Amino acid sequence: FFRYVVGSSLVWSEEVSKIIFFYI
């Protein structure tokens, strides 16, 4: 949503996703 609608990506989302994925 932020990348394609707002036009600005969330810089922290990849890192948080990686951490969540490891714990999963």
mmCIF file of all heavy atoms, coordinates in Angstrom:
data_MODEL
# 
_entry.id   MODEL 
# 
loop_
_atom_site.group_PDB 
_atom_site.id 
_atom_site.type_symbol 
_atom_site.label_atom_id 
_atom_site.label_alt_id 
_atom_site.label_comp_id 
_atom_site.label_asym_id 
_atom_site.label_entity_id 
_atom_site.label_seq_id 
_atom_site.pdbx_PDB_ins_code 
_atom_site.Cartn_x 
_atom_site.Cartn_y 
_atom_site.Cartn_z 
_atom_site.occupancy 
_atom_site.B_iso_or_equiv 
_atom_site.pdbx_formal_charge 
_atom_site.auth_seq_id 
_atom_site.auth_comp_id 
_atom_site.auth_asym_id 
_atom_site.auth_atom_id 
_atom_site.pdbx_PDB_model_num 
ATOM 1   N N   . PHE A 1 1  ? 0.825  -1.202  0.000  1.00 0.00 ? 1  PHE A N   1 
ATOM 2   C CA  . PHE A 1 1  ? 0.000  0.000   0.000  1.00 0.00 ? 1  PHE A CA  1 
ATOM 3   C C   . PHE A 1 1  ? 0.866  1.263   0.000  1.00 0.00 ? 1  PHE A C   1 
ATOM 4   O O   . PHE A 1 1  ? 0.654  2.177   -0.792 1.00 0.00 ? 1  PHE A O   1 
ATOM 5   C CB  . PHE A 1 1  ? -0.939 0.003   1.209  1.00 0.00 ? 1  PHE A CB  1 
ATOM 6   C CG  . PHE A 1 1  ? -1.737 1.257   1.342  1.00 0.00 ? 1  PHE A CG  1 
ATOM 7   C CD1 . PHE A 1 1  ? -2.862 1.462   0.560  1.00 0.00 ? 1  PHE A CD1 1 
ATOM 8   C CD2 . PHE A 1 1  ? -1.369 2.247   2.247  1.00 0.00 ? 1  PHE A CD2 1 
ATOM 9   C CE1 . PHE A 1 1  ? -3.602 2.628   0.665  1.00 0.00 ? 1  PHE A CE1 1 
ATOM 10  C CE2 . PHE A 1 1  ? -2.096 3.409   2.368  1.00 0.00 ? 1  PHE A CE2 1 
ATOM 11  C CZ  . PHE A 1 1  ? -3.219 3.606   1.579  1.00 0.00 ? 1  PHE A CZ  1 
ATOM 12  N N   . PHE A 1 2  ? 1.822  1.307   0.894  1.00 0.00 ? 2  PHE A N   1 
ATOM 13  C CA  . PHE A 1 2  ? 2.664  2.504   0.989  1.00 0.00 ? 2  PHE A CA  1 
ATOM 14  C C   . PHE A 1 2  ? 3.515  2.703   -0.260 1.00 0.00 ? 2  PHE A C   1 
ATOM 15  O O   . PHE A 1 2  ? 3.728  3.827   -0.701 1.00 0.00 ? 2  PHE A O   1 
ATOM 16  C CB  . PHE A 1 2  ? 3.554  2.457   2.240  1.00 0.00 ? 2  PHE A CB  1 
ATOM 17  C CG  . PHE A 1 2  ? 2.879  3.002   3.461  1.00 0.00 ? 2  PHE A CG  1 
ATOM 18  C CD1 . PHE A 1 2  ? 2.071  2.185   4.238  1.00 0.00 ? 2  PHE A CD1 1 
ATOM 19  C CD2 . PHE A 1 2  ? 3.038  4.317   3.828  1.00 0.00 ? 2  PHE A CD2 1 
ATOM 20  C CE1 . PHE A 1 2  ? 1.431  2.684   5.356  1.00 0.00 ? 2  PHE A CE1 1 
ATOM 21  C CE2 . PHE A 1 2  ? 2.405  4.838   4.951  1.00 0.00 ? 2  PHE A CE2 1 
ATOM 22  C CZ  . PHE A 1 2  ? 1.599  4.014   5.716  1.00 0.00 ? 2  PHE A CZ  1 
ATOM 23  N N   . ARG A 1 3  ? 3.991  1.620   -0.846 1.00 0.00 ? 3  ARG A N   1 
ATOM 24  C CA  . ARG A 1 3  ? 4.857  1.754   -2.013 1.00 0.00 ? 3  ARG A CA  1 
ATOM 25  C C   . ARG A 1 3  ? 4.072  2.189   -3.247 1.00 0.00 ? 3  ARG A C   1 
ATOM 26  O O   . ARG A 1 3  ? 4.501  3.080   -3.978 1.00 0.00 ? 3  ARG A O   1 
ATOM 27  C CB  . ARG A 1 3  ? 5.578  0.437   -2.305 1.00 0.00 ? 3  ARG A CB  1 
ATOM 28  C CG  . ARG A 1 3  ? 6.502  0.552   -3.527 1.00 0.00 ? 3  ARG A CG  1 
ATOM 29  C CD  . ARG A 1 3  ? 7.357  -0.654  -3.708 1.00 0.00 ? 3  ARG A CD  1 
ATOM 30  N NE  . ARG A 1 3  ? 8.279  -0.725  -2.587 1.00 0.00 ? 3  ARG A NE  1 
ATOM 31  C CZ  . ARG A 1 3  ? 9.098  -1.722  -2.382 1.00 0.00 ? 3  ARG A CZ  1 
ATOM 32  N NH1 . ARG A 1 3  ? 9.118  -2.736  -3.211 1.00 0.00 ? 3  ARG A NH1 1 
ATOM 33  N NH2 . ARG A 1 3  ? 9.899  -1.731  -1.345 1.00 0.00 ? 3  ARG A NH2 1 
ATOM 34  N N   . TYR A 1 4  ? 2.896  1.592   -3.497 1.00 0.00 ? 4  TYR A N   1 
ATOM 35  C CA  . TYR A 1 4  ? 2.181  1.845   -4.744 1.00 0.00 ? 4  TYR A CA  1 
ATOM 36  C C   . TYR A 1 4  ? 1.071  2.872   -4.632 1.00 0.00 ? 4  TYR A C   1 
ATOM 37  O O   . TYR A 1 4  ? 0.716  3.490   -5.632 1.00 0.00 ? 4  TYR A O   1 
ATOM 38  C CB  . TYR A 1 4  ? 1.632  0.530   -5.306 1.00 0.00 ? 4  TYR A CB  1 
ATOM 39  C CG  . TYR A 1 4  ? 2.741  -0.400  -5.725 1.00 0.00 ? 4  TYR A CG  1 
ATOM 40  C CD1 . TYR A 1 4  ? 3.016  -1.543  -4.987 1.00 0.00 ? 4  TYR A CD1 1 
ATOM 41  C CD2 . TYR A 1 4  ? 3.532  -0.115  -6.827 1.00 0.00 ? 4  TYR A CD2 1 
ATOM 42  C CE1 . TYR A 1 4  ? 4.048  -2.383  -5.349 1.00 0.00 ? 4  TYR A CE1 1 
ATOM 43  C CE2 . TYR A 1 4  ? 4.570  -0.953  -7.201 1.00 0.00 ? 4  TYR A CE2 1 
ATOM 44  C CZ  . TYR A 1 4  ? 4.819  -2.088  -6.460 1.00 0.00 ? 4  TYR A CZ  1 
ATOM 45  O OH  . TYR A 1 4  ? 5.841  -2.919  -6.828 1.00 0.00 ? 4  TYR A OH  1 
ATOM 46  N N   . VAL A 1 5  ? 0.503  3.075   -3.457 1.00 0.00 ? 5  VAL A N   1 
ATOM 47  C CA  . VAL A 1 5  ? -0.574 4.055   -3.311 1.00 0.00 ? 5  VAL A CA  1 
ATOM 48  C C   . VAL A 1 5  ? -0.027 5.375   -2.777 1.00 0.00 ? 5  VAL A C   1 
ATOM 49  O O   . VAL A 1 5  ? -0.266 6.434   -3.348 1.00 0.00 ? 5  VAL A O   1 
ATOM 50  C CB  . VAL A 1 5  ? -1.704 3.510   -2.398 1.00 0.00 ? 5  VAL A CB  1 
ATOM 51  C CG1 . VAL A 1 5  ? -2.770 4.556   -2.161 1.00 0.00 ? 5  VAL A CG1 1 
ATOM 52  C CG2 . VAL A 1 5  ? -2.316 2.251   -3.001 1.00 0.00 ? 5  VAL A CG2 1 
ATOM 53  N N   . VAL A 1 6  ? 0.723  5.298   -1.704 1.00 0.00 ? 6  VAL A N   1 
ATOM 54  C CA  . VAL A 1 6  ? 1.269  6.514   -1.097 1.00 0.00 ? 6  VAL A CA  1 
ATOM 55  C C   . VAL A 1 6  ? 2.493  6.998   -1.866 1.00 0.00 ? 6  VAL A C   1 
ATOM 56  O O   . VAL A 1 6  ? 2.756  8.194   -1.934 1.00 0.00 ? 6  VAL A O   1 
ATOM 57  C CB  . VAL A 1 6  ? 1.594  6.272   0.405  1.00 0.00 ? 6  VAL A CB  1 
ATOM 58  C CG1 . VAL A 1 6  ? 2.222  7.484   1.046  1.00 0.00 ? 6  VAL A CG1 1 
ATOM 59  C CG2 . VAL A 1 6  ? 0.342  5.849   1.164  1.00 0.00 ? 6  VAL A CG2 1 
ATOM 60  N N   . GLY A 1 7  ? 3.250  6.064   -2.450 1.00 0.00 ? 7  GLY A N   1 
ATOM 61  C CA  . GLY A 1 7  ? 4.426  6.440   -3.222 1.00 0.00 ? 7  GLY A CA  1 
ATOM 62  C C   . GLY A 1 7  ? 5.703  6.513   -2.399 1.00 0.00 ? 7  GLY A C   1 
ATOM 63  O O   . GLY A 1 7  ? 6.720  7.008   -2.872 1.00 0.00 ? 7  GLY A O   1 
ATOM 64  N N   . SER A 1 8  ? 5.656  6.034   -1.180 1.00 0.00 ? 8  SER A N   1 
ATOM 65  C CA  . SER A 1 8  ? 6.831  6.035   -0.311 1.00 0.00 ? 8  SER A CA  1 
ATOM 66  C C   . SER A 1 8  ? 6.843  4.716   0.464  1.00 0.00 ? 8  SER A C   1 
ATOM 67  O O   . SER A 1 8  ? 5.870  4.385   1.137  1.00 0.00 ? 8  SER A O   1 
ATOM 68  C CB  . SER A 1 8  ? 6.760  7.211   0.656  1.00 0.00 ? 8  SER A CB  1 
ATOM 69  O OG  . SER A 1 8  ? 7.785  7.137   1.604  1.00 0.00 ? 8  SER A OG  1 
ATOM 70  N N   . SER A 1 9  ? 7.930  3.979   0.350  1.00 0.00 ? 9  SER A N   1 
ATOM 71  C CA  . SER A 1 9  ? 7.966  2.684   1.030  1.00 0.00 ? 9  SER A CA  1 
ATOM 72  C C   . SER A 1 9  ? 8.389  2.840   2.490  1.00 0.00 ? 9  SER A C   1 
ATOM 73  O O   . SER A 1 9  ? 9.025  3.810   2.871  1.00 0.00 ? 9  SER A O   1 
ATOM 74  C CB  . SER A 1 9  ? 8.911  1.735   0.301  1.00 0.00 ? 9  SER A CB  1 
ATOM 75  O OG  . SER A 1 9  ? 10.216 2.241   0.336  1.00 0.00 ? 9  SER A OG  1 
ATOM 76  N N   . LEU A 1 10 ? 8.015  1.843   3.265  1.00 0.00 ? 10 LEU A N   1 
ATOM 77  C CA  . LEU A 1 10 ? 8.386  1.807   4.677  1.00 0.00 ? 10 LEU A CA  1 
ATOM 78  C C   . LEU A 1 10 ? 9.787  1.213   4.780  1.00 0.00 ? 10 LEU A C   1 
ATOM 79  O O   . LEU A 1 10 ? 10.008 0.064   4.400  1.00 0.00 ? 10 LEU A O   1 
ATOM 80  C CB  . LEU A 1 10 ? 7.393  0.946   5.468  1.00 0.00 ? 10 LEU A CB  1 
ATOM 81  C CG  . LEU A 1 10 ? 5.925  1.368   5.401  1.00 0.00 ? 10 LEU A CG  1 
ATOM 82  C CD1 . LEU A 1 10 ? 5.045  0.299   6.018  1.00 0.00 ? 10 LEU A CD1 1 
ATOM 83  C CD2 . LEU A 1 10 ? 5.741  2.690   6.115  1.00 0.00 ? 10 LEU A CD2 1 
ATOM 84  N N   . VAL A 1 11 ? 10.735 1.980   5.287  1.00 0.00 ? 11 VAL A N   1 
ATOM 85  C CA  . VAL A 1 11 ? 12.121 1.515   5.314  1.00 0.00 ? 11 VAL A CA  1 
ATOM 86  C C   . VAL A 1 11 ? 12.353 0.409   6.338  1.00 0.00 ? 11 VAL A C   1 
ATOM 87  O O   . VAL A 1 11 ? 13.267 -0.390  6.194  1.00 0.00 ? 11 VAL A O   1 
ATOM 88  C CB  . VAL A 1 11 ? 13.100 2.688   5.575  1.00 0.00 ? 11 VAL A CB  1 
ATOM 89  C CG1 . VAL A 1 11 ? 13.068 3.663   4.430  1.00 0.00 ? 11 VAL A CG1 1 
ATOM 90  C CG2 . VAL A 1 11 ? 12.795 3.368   6.882  1.00 0.00 ? 11 VAL A CG2 1 
ATOM 91  N N   . TRP A 1 12 ? 11.537 0.321   7.335  1.00 0.00 ? 12 TRP A N   1 
ATOM 92  C CA  . TRP A 1 12 ? 11.735 -0.631  8.414  1.00 0.00 ? 12 TRP A CA  1 
ATOM 93  C C   . TRP A 1 12 ? 10.987 -1.945  8.194  1.00 0.00 ? 12 TRP A C   1 
ATOM 94  O O   . TRP A 1 12 ? 11.220 -2.927  8.896  1.00 0.00 ? 12 TRP A O   1 
ATOM 95  C CB  . TRP A 1 12 ? 11.276 -0.029  9.740  1.00 0.00 ? 12 TRP A CB  1 
ATOM 96  C CG  . TRP A 1 12 ? 9.896  0.564   9.671  1.00 0.00 ? 12 TRP A CG  1 
ATOM 97  C CD1 . TRP A 1 12 ? 9.583  1.856   9.380  1.00 0.00 ? 12 TRP A CD1 1 
ATOM 98  C CD2 . TRP A 1 12 ? 8.657  -0.115  9.872  1.00 0.00 ? 12 TRP A CD2 1 
ATOM 99  N NE1 . TRP A 1 12 ? 8.217  2.024   9.386  1.00 0.00 ? 12 TRP A NE1 1 
ATOM 100 C CE2 . TRP A 1 12 ? 7.632  0.820   9.688  1.00 0.00 ? 12 TRP A CE2 1 
ATOM 101 C CE3 . TRP A 1 12 ? 8.317  -1.422  10.187 1.00 0.00 ? 12 TRP A CE3 1 
ATOM 102 C CZ2 . TRP A 1 12 ? 6.280  0.504   9.802  1.00 0.00 ? 12 TRP A CZ2 1 
ATOM 103 C CZ3 . TRP A 1 12 ? 6.976  -1.750  10.299 1.00 0.00 ? 12 TRP A CZ3 1 
ATOM 104 C CH2 . TRP A 1 12 ? 5.984  -0.790  10.111 1.00 0.00 ? 12 TRP A CH2 1 
ATOM 105 N N   . SER A 1 13 ? 10.092 -2.019  7.218  1.00 0.00 ? 13 SER A N   1 
ATOM 106 C CA  . SER A 1 13 ? 9.216  -3.191  7.088  1.00 0.00 ? 13 SER A CA  1 
ATOM 107 C C   . SER A 1 13 ? 9.976  -4.465  6.715  1.00 0.00 ? 13 SER A C   1 
ATOM 108 O O   . SER A 1 13 ? 9.627  -5.549  7.181  1.00 0.00 ? 13 SER A O   1 
ATOM 109 C CB  . SER A 1 13 ? 8.115  -2.927  6.063  1.00 0.00 ? 13 SER A CB  1 
ATOM 110 O OG  . SER A 1 13 ? 8.663  -2.794  4.772  1.00 0.00 ? 13 SER A OG  1 
ATOM 111 N N   . GLU A 1 14 ? 11.011 -4.357  5.889  1.00 0.00 ? 14 GLU A N   1 
ATOM 112 C CA  . GLU A 1 14 ? 11.766 -5.561  5.513  1.00 0.00 ? 14 GLU A CA  1 
ATOM 113 C C   . GLU A 1 14 ? 12.459 -6.172  6.732  1.00 0.00 ? 14 GLU A C   1 
ATOM 114 O O   . GLU A 1 14 ? 12.459 -7.388  6.917  1.00 0.00 ? 14 GLU A O   1 
ATOM 115 C CB  . GLU A 1 14 ? 12.794 -5.233  4.438  1.00 0.00 ? 14 GLU A CB  1 
ATOM 116 C CG  . GLU A 1 14 ? 13.594 -6.434  4.004  1.00 0.00 ? 14 GLU A CG  1 
ATOM 117 C CD  . GLU A 1 14 ? 14.692 -6.093  3.019  1.00 0.00 ? 14 GLU A CD  1 
ATOM 118 O OE1 . GLU A 1 14 ? 14.759 -4.946  2.542  1.00 0.00 ? 14 GLU A OE1 1 
ATOM 119 O OE2 . GLU A 1 14 ? 15.500 -6.992  2.760  1.00 0.00 ? 14 GLU A OE2 1 
ATOM 120 N N   . GLU A 1 15 ? 13.019 -5.326  7.558  1.00 0.00 ? 15 GLU A N   1 
ATOM 121 C CA  . GLU A 1 15 ? 13.707 -5.812  8.753  1.00 0.00 ? 15 GLU A CA  1 
ATOM 122 C C   . GLU A 1 15 ? 12.739 -6.464  9.735  1.00 0.00 ? 15 GLU A C   1 
ATOM 123 O O   . GLU A 1 15 ? 13.025 -7.530  10.285 1.00 0.00 ? 15 GLU A O   1 
ATOM 124 C CB  . GLU A 1 15 ? 14.416 -4.640  9.434  1.00 0.00 ? 15 GLU A CB  1 
ATOM 125 C CG  . GLU A 1 15 ? 15.816 -4.966  9.845  1.00 0.00 ? 15 GLU A CG  1 
ATOM 126 C CD  . GLU A 1 15 ? 16.559 -3.707  10.225 1.00 0.00 ? 15 GLU A CD  1 
ATOM 127 O OE1 . GLU A 1 15 ? 16.338 -3.238  11.362 1.00 0.00 ? 15 GLU A OE1 1 
ATOM 128 O OE2 . GLU A 1 15 ? 17.341 -3.217  9.402  1.00 0.00 ? 15 GLU A OE2 1 
ATOM 129 N N   . VAL A 1 16 ? 11.610 -5.834  9.959  1.00 0.00 ? 16 VAL A N   1 
ATOM 130 C CA  . VAL A 1 16 ? 10.608 -6.394  10.865 1.00 0.00 ? 16 VAL A CA  1 
ATOM 131 C C   . VAL A 1 16 ? 10.076 -7.710  10.308 1.00 0.00 ? 16 VAL A C   1 
ATOM 132 O O   . VAL A 1 16 ? 9.907  -8.689  11.044 1.00 0.00 ? 16 VAL A O   1 
ATOM 133 C CB  . VAL A 1 16 ? 9.463  -5.384  11.121 1.00 0.00 ? 16 VAL A CB  1 
ATOM 134 C CG1 . VAL A 1 16 ? 8.336  -6.023  11.900 1.00 0.00 ? 16 VAL A CG1 1 
ATOM 135 C CG2 . VAL A 1 16 ? 9.978  -4.154  11.847 1.00 0.00 ? 16 VAL A CG2 1 
ATOM 136 N N   . SER A 1 17 ? 9.851  -7.752  8.989  1.00 0.00 ? 17 SER A N   1 
ATOM 137 C CA  . SER A 1 17 ? 9.379  -8.989  8.356  1.00 0.00 ? 17 SER A CA  1 
ATOM 138 C C   . SER A 1 17 ? 10.381 -10.118 8.546  1.00 0.00 ? 17 SER A C   1 
ATOM 139 O O   . SER A 1 17 ? 10.008 -11.260 8.815  1.00 0.00 ? 17 SER A O   1 
ATOM 140 C CB  . SER A 1 17 ? 9.144  -8.772  6.859  1.00 0.00 ? 17 SER A CB  1 
ATOM 141 O OG  . SER A 1 17 ? 8.123  -7.854  6.642  1.00 0.00 ? 17 SER A OG  1 
ATOM 142 N N   . LYS A 1 18 ? 11.654 -9.806  8.403  1.00 0.00 ? 18 LYS A N   1 
ATOM 143 C CA  . LYS A 1 18 ? 12.700 -10.821 8.573  1.00 0.00 ? 18 LYS A CA  1 
ATOM 144 C C   . LYS A 1 18 ? 12.691 -11.363 10.003 1.00 0.00 ? 18 LYS A C   1 
ATOM 145 O O   . LYS A 1 18 ? 12.754 -12.576 10.216 1.00 0.00 ? 18 LYS A O   1 
ATOM 146 C CB  . LYS A 1 18 ? 14.067 -10.218 8.242  1.00 0.00 ? 18 LYS A CB  1 
ATOM 147 C CG  . LYS A 1 18 ? 15.226 -11.168 8.424  1.00 0.00 ? 18 LYS A CG  1 
ATOM 148 C CD  . LYS A 1 18 ? 16.547 -10.541 8.034  1.00 0.00 ? 18 LYS A CD  1 
ATOM 149 C CE  . LYS A 1 18 ? 16.964 -9.508  9.046  1.00 0.00 ? 18 LYS A CE  1 
ATOM 150 N NZ  . LYS A 1 18 ? 18.344 -9.025  8.876  1.00 0.00 ? 18 LYS A NZ  1 
ATOM 151 N N   . ILE A 1 19 ? 12.586 -10.478 10.966 1.00 0.00 ? 19 ILE A N   1 
ATOM 152 C CA  . ILE A 1 19 ? 12.579 -10.900 12.371 1.00 0.00 ? 19 ILE A CA  1 
ATOM 153 C C   . ILE A 1 19 ? 11.353 -11.768 12.660 1.00 0.00 ? 19 ILE A C   1 
ATOM 154 O O   . ILE A 1 19 ? 11.453 -12.837 13.271 1.00 0.00 ? 19 ILE A O   1 
ATOM 155 C CB  . ILE A 1 19 ? 12.622 -9.672  13.304 1.00 0.00 ? 19 ILE A CB  1 
ATOM 156 C CG1 . ILE A 1 19 ? 13.958 -8.950  13.159 1.00 0.00 ? 19 ILE A CG1 1 
ATOM 157 C CG2 . ILE A 1 19 ? 12.380 -10.078 14.754 1.00 0.00 ? 19 ILE A CG2 1 
ATOM 158 C CD1 . ILE A 1 19 ? 14.007 -7.589  13.814 1.00 0.00 ? 19 ILE A CD1 1 
ATOM 159 N N   . ILE A 1 20 ? 10.185 -11.319 12.197 1.00 0.00 ? 20 ILE A N   1 
ATOM 160 C CA  . ILE A 1 20 ? 8.950  -12.092 12.407 1.00 0.00 ? 20 ILE A CA  1 
ATOM 161 C C   . ILE A 1 20 ? 9.074  -13.460 11.749 1.00 0.00 ? 20 ILE A C   1 
ATOM 162 O O   . ILE A 1 20 ? 8.689  -14.480 12.324 1.00 0.00 ? 20 ILE A O   1 
ATOM 163 C CB  . ILE A 1 20 ? 7.732  -11.323 11.869 1.00 0.00 ? 20 ILE A CB  1 
ATOM 164 C CG1 . ILE A 1 20 ? 7.456  -10.087 12.736 1.00 0.00 ? 20 ILE A CG1 1 
ATOM 165 C CG2 . ILE A 1 20 ? 6.492  -12.217 11.811 1.00 0.00 ? 20 ILE A CG2 1 
ATOM 166 C CD1 . ILE A 1 20 ? 6.394  -9.160  12.173 1.00 0.00 ? 20 ILE A CD1 1 
ATOM 167 N N   . PHE A 1 21 ? 9.618  -13.492 10.545 1.00 0.00 ? 21 PHE A N   1 
ATOM 168 C CA  . PHE A 1 21 ? 9.761  -14.748 9.812  1.00 0.00 ? 21 PHE A CA  1 
ATOM 169 C C   . PHE A 1 21 ? 10.660 -15.726 10.563 1.00 0.00 ? 21 PHE A C   1 
ATOM 170 O O   . PHE A 1 21 ? 10.350 -16.915 10.661 1.00 0.00 ? 21 PHE A O   1 
ATOM 171 C CB  . PHE A 1 21 ? 10.302 -14.468 8.411  1.00 0.00 ? 21 PHE A CB  1 
ATOM 172 C CG  . PHE A 1 21 ? 10.210 -15.640 7.484  1.00 0.00 ? 21 PHE A CG  1 
ATOM 173 C CD1 . PHE A 1 21 ? 8.983  -16.137 7.077  1.00 0.00 ? 21 PHE A CD1 1 
ATOM 174 C CD2 . PHE A 1 21 ? 11.356 -16.236 7.003  1.00 0.00 ? 21 PHE A CD2 1 
ATOM 175 C CE1 . PHE A 1 21 ? 8.897  -17.217 6.227  1.00 0.00 ? 21 PHE A CE1 1 
ATOM 176 C CE2 . PHE A 1 21 ? 11.283 -17.318 6.150  1.00 0.00 ? 21 PHE A CE2 1 
ATOM 177 C CZ  . PHE A 1 21 ? 10.051 -17.808 5.760  1.00 0.00 ? 21 PHE A CZ  1 
ATOM 178 N N   . PHE A 1 22 ? 11.771 -15.255 11.114 1.00 0.00 ? 22 PHE A N   1 
ATOM 179 C CA  . PHE A 1 22 ? 12.661 -16.125 11.889 1.00 0.00 ? 22 PHE A CA  1 
ATOM 180 C C   . PHE A 1 22 ? 11.926 -16.735 13.076 1.00 0.00 ? 22 PHE A C   1 
ATOM 181 O O   . PHE A 1 22 ? 12.048 -17.929 13.359 1.00 0.00 ? 22 PHE A O   1 
ATOM 182 C CB  . PHE A 1 22 ? 13.886 -15.365 12.394 1.00 0.00 ? 22 PHE A CB  1 
ATOM 183 C CG  . PHE A 1 22 ? 14.895 -15.048 11.330 1.00 0.00 ? 22 PHE A CG  1 
ATOM 184 C CD1 . PHE A 1 22 ? 15.782 -14.002 11.509 1.00 0.00 ? 22 PHE A CD1 1 
ATOM 185 C CD2 . PHE A 1 22 ? 14.972 -15.768 10.159 1.00 0.00 ? 22 PHE A CD2 1 
ATOM 186 C CE1 . PHE A 1 22 ? 16.725 -13.697 10.534 1.00 0.00 ? 22 PHE A CE1 1 
ATOM 187 C CE2 . PHE A 1 22 ? 15.906 -15.479 9.176  1.00 0.00 ? 22 PHE A CE2 1 
ATOM 188 C CZ  . PHE A 1 22 ? 16.787 -14.436 9.378  1.00 0.00 ? 22 PHE A CZ  1 
ATOM 189 N N   . TYR A 1 23 ? 11.173 -15.914 13.793 1.00 0.00 ? 23 TYR A N   1 
ATOM 190 C CA  . TYR A 1 23 ? 10.455 -16.422 14.962 1.00 0.00 ? 23 TYR A CA  1 
ATOM 191 C C   . TYR A 1 23 ? 9.357  -17.399 14.559 1.00 0.00 ? 23 TYR A C   1 
ATOM 192 O O   . TYR A 1 23 ? 9.120  -18.391 15.253 1.00 0.00 ? 23 TYR A O   1 
ATOM 193 C CB  . TYR A 1 23 ? 9.909  -15.275 15.808 1.00 0.00 ? 23 TYR A CB  1 
ATOM 194 C CG  . TYR A 1 23 ? 10.971 -14.676 16.696 1.00 0.00 ? 23 TYR A CG  1 
ATOM 195 C CD1 . TYR A 1 23 ? 11.751 -13.609 16.271 1.00 0.00 ? 23 TYR A CD1 1 
ATOM 196 C CD2 . TYR A 1 23 ? 11.220 -15.200 17.957 1.00 0.00 ? 23 TYR A CD2 1 
ATOM 197 C CE1 . TYR A 1 23 ? 12.744 -13.078 17.068 1.00 0.00 ? 23 TYR A CE1 1 
ATOM 198 C CE2 . TYR A 1 23 ? 12.206 -14.669 18.772 1.00 0.00 ? 23 TYR A CE2 1 
ATOM 199 C CZ  . TYR A 1 23 ? 12.962 -13.609 18.316 1.00 0.00 ? 23 TYR A CZ  1 
ATOM 200 O OH  . TYR A 1 23 ? 13.954 -13.095 19.125 1.00 0.00 ? 23 TYR A OH  1 
ATOM 201 N N   . ILE A 1 24 ? 8.682  -17.151 13.433 1.00 0.00 ? 24 ILE A N   1 
ATOM 202 C CA  . ILE A 1 24 ? 7.669  -18.093 12.949 1.00 0.00 ? 24 ILE A CA  1 
ATOM 203 C C   . ILE A 1 24 ? 8.305  -19.444 12.653 1.00 0.00 ? 24 ILE A C   1 
ATOM 204 O O   . ILE A 1 24 ? 7.761  -20.493 12.999 1.00 0.00 ? 24 ILE A O   1 
ATOM 205 C CB  . ILE A 1 24 ? 6.943  -17.537 11.696 1.00 0.00 ? 24 ILE A CB  1 
ATOM 206 C CG1 . ILE A 1 24 ? 6.012  -16.391 12.081 1.00 0.00 ? 24 ILE A CG1 1 
ATOM 207 C CG2 . ILE A 1 24 ? 6.160  -18.640 10.991 1.00 0.00 ? 24 ILE A CG2 1 
ATOM 208 C CD1 . ILE A 1 24 ? 5.393  -15.683 10.892 1.00 0.00 ? 24 ILE A CD1 1 
# 
